[in-house]
Amino acid sequence: MTIDERTRIELEAAVYRRLVEHLRARTDVQNIDLMNLAGFCRNCLSNWMKEAADARGIAITKDESRELVYGEPYDQWRAKHQKEASPDQKVAFEKVAPGH
């Protein structure tokens, strides 16, 4: 399969947007669950967004990159959707992401 770079980038961007929309809709899935199962979470995506912006000289704050991923200010999202992690979730997290 051969596709030009612009088309590849457009496809990747579409997939990213769909992933973010999916995560916005699945507020029942906590970040710690994502970390424990996949090794990344919504915060990781927002950090990667900020790193990509920084690499291109685009000024974006951590709060702005989080809002791009969460679809609203992070503190608002946390107040509405984030639950306290269970002891089992915390133990699992320490096994898969120590020091994260």
Protein backbone atom coordinates (compact mmCIF):
# COMPACT_ATOMS: atom_id res chain seq x y z
CA MET A 1 0.00 0.00 0.00
CA THR A 2 1.30 3.42 -0.87
CA ILE A 3 -0.21 6.65 0.29
CA ASP A 4 1.36 10.06 0.16
CA GLU A 5 2.59 11.68 3.35
CA ARG A 6 -0.15 14.32 3.46
CA THR A 7 -2.87 11.66 3.22
CA ARG A 8 -1.14 9.57 5.89
CA ILE A 9 -1.01 12.59 8.22
CA GLU A 10 -4.68 13.36 7.54
CA LEU A 11 -5.63 9.76 8.31
CA GLU A 12 -3.57 9.77 11.50
CA ALA A 13 -5.21 13.04 12.55
CA ALA A 14 -8.66 11.57 11.91
CA VAL A 15 -7.82 8.51 14.00
CA TYR A 16 -6.51 10.71 16.81
CA ARG A 17 -9.69 12.82 16.77
CA ARG A 18 -11.81 9.67 16.89
CA LEU A 19 -9.78 8.31 19.81
CA VAL A 20 -10.19 11.56 21.74
CA GLU A 21 -13.95 11.64 21.04
CA HIS A 22 -14.21 8.03 22.19
CA LEU A 23 -12.37 8.80 25.43
CA ARG A 24 -14.56 11.86 26.01
CA ALA A 25 -17.65 9.68 25.65
CA ARG A 26 -16.27 6.94 27.92
CA THR A 27 -16.01 8.94 31.13
CA ASP A 28 -16.70 5.69 32.99
CA VAL A 29 -13.19 4.55 32.05
CA GLN A 30 -10.84 6.12 34.54
CA ASN A 31 -7.31 7.22 33.65
CA ILE A 32 -5.85 4.70 36.08
CA ASP A 33 -7.72 1.94 34.23
CA LEU A 34 -6.22 3.13 30.94
CA MET A 35 -2.74 3.26 32.49
CA ASN A 36 -3.10 -0.20 34.01
CA LEU A 37 -4.29 -1.76 30.75
CA ALA A 38 -2.60 0.25 28.02
CA GLY A 39 0.24 2.16 29.67
CA PHE A 40 -1.16 5.56 28.69
CA CYS A 41 -4.12 7.74 29.58
CA ARG A 42 -5.80 11.02 28.69
CA ASN A 43 -3.08 12.94 30.54
CA CYS A 44 -0.41 11.17 28.49
CA LEU A 45 -2.18 12.23 25.29
CA SER A 46 -2.30 15.83 26.49
CA ASN A 47 1.39 15.69 27.46
CA TRP A 48 2.27 14.33 24.01
CA MET A 49 0.22 17.14 22.44
CA LYS A 50 2.18 19.72 24.45
CA GLU A 51 5.51 18.09 23.58
CA ALA A 52 4.60 18.12 19.87
CA ALA A 53 3.60 21.79 20.10
CA ASP A 54 6.79 22.67 21.97
CA ALA A 55 8.88 20.87 19.33
CA ARG A 56 7.29 23.05 16.66
CA GLY A 57 7.67 26.27 18.65
CA ILE A 58 3.92 26.54 19.30
CA ALA A 59 3.10 28.07 22.68
CA ILE A 60 0.58 25.92 24.52
CA THR A 61 0.18 25.41 28.24
CA LYS A 62 -0.36 22.13 30.03
CA ASP A 63 -3.90 23.27 30.88
CA GLU A 64 -4.61 24.12 27.24
CA SER A 65 -3.35 20.76 26.00
CA ARG A 66 -5.47 18.97 28.60
CA GLU A 67 -8.54 20.91 27.53
CA LEU A 68 -7.91 19.84 23.93
CA VAL A 69 -7.99 16.20 25.03
CA TYR A 70 -10.69 16.35 27.72
CA GLY A 71 -12.96 18.75 25.82
CA GLU A 72 -13.29 20.97 28.88
CA PRO A 73 -11.00 22.32 31.62
CA TYR A 74 -9.30 19.42 33.39
CA ASP A 75 -10.51 20.46 36.86
CA GLN A 76 -14.11 20.46 35.60
CA TRP A 77 -13.69 17.00 34.06
CA ARG A 78 -12.12 15.66 37.26
CA ALA A 79 -14.94 17.06 39.42
CA LYS A 80 -17.58 15.47 37.20
CA HIS A 81 -15.99 12.13 36.32
CA GLN A 82 -12.91 11.15 38.29
CA LYS A 83 -13.37 8.67 41.10
CA GLU A 84 -10.97 7.71 43.85
CA ALA A 85 -8.76 4.84 42.73
CA SER A 86 -9.36 1.58 44.54
CA PRO A 87 -6.53 -0.11 46.45
CA ASP A 88 -6.38 -2.79 43.73
CA GLN A 89 -6.10 -0.15 41.00
CA LYS A 90 -3.29 1.56 42.89
CA VAL A 91 -1.37 -1.71 43.35
CA ALA A 92 -1.76 -2.54 39.65
CA PHE A 93 -0.61 0.96 38.70
CA GLU A 94 2.56 0.64 40.77
CA LYS A 95 3.37 -2.60 38.93
CA VAL A 96 2.87 -1.21 35.41
CA ALA A 97 3.96 2.40 35.87
CA PRO A 98 6.27 2.75 38.87
CA GLY A 99 7.27 6.34 39.42
CA HIS A 100 4.90 7.61 36.73
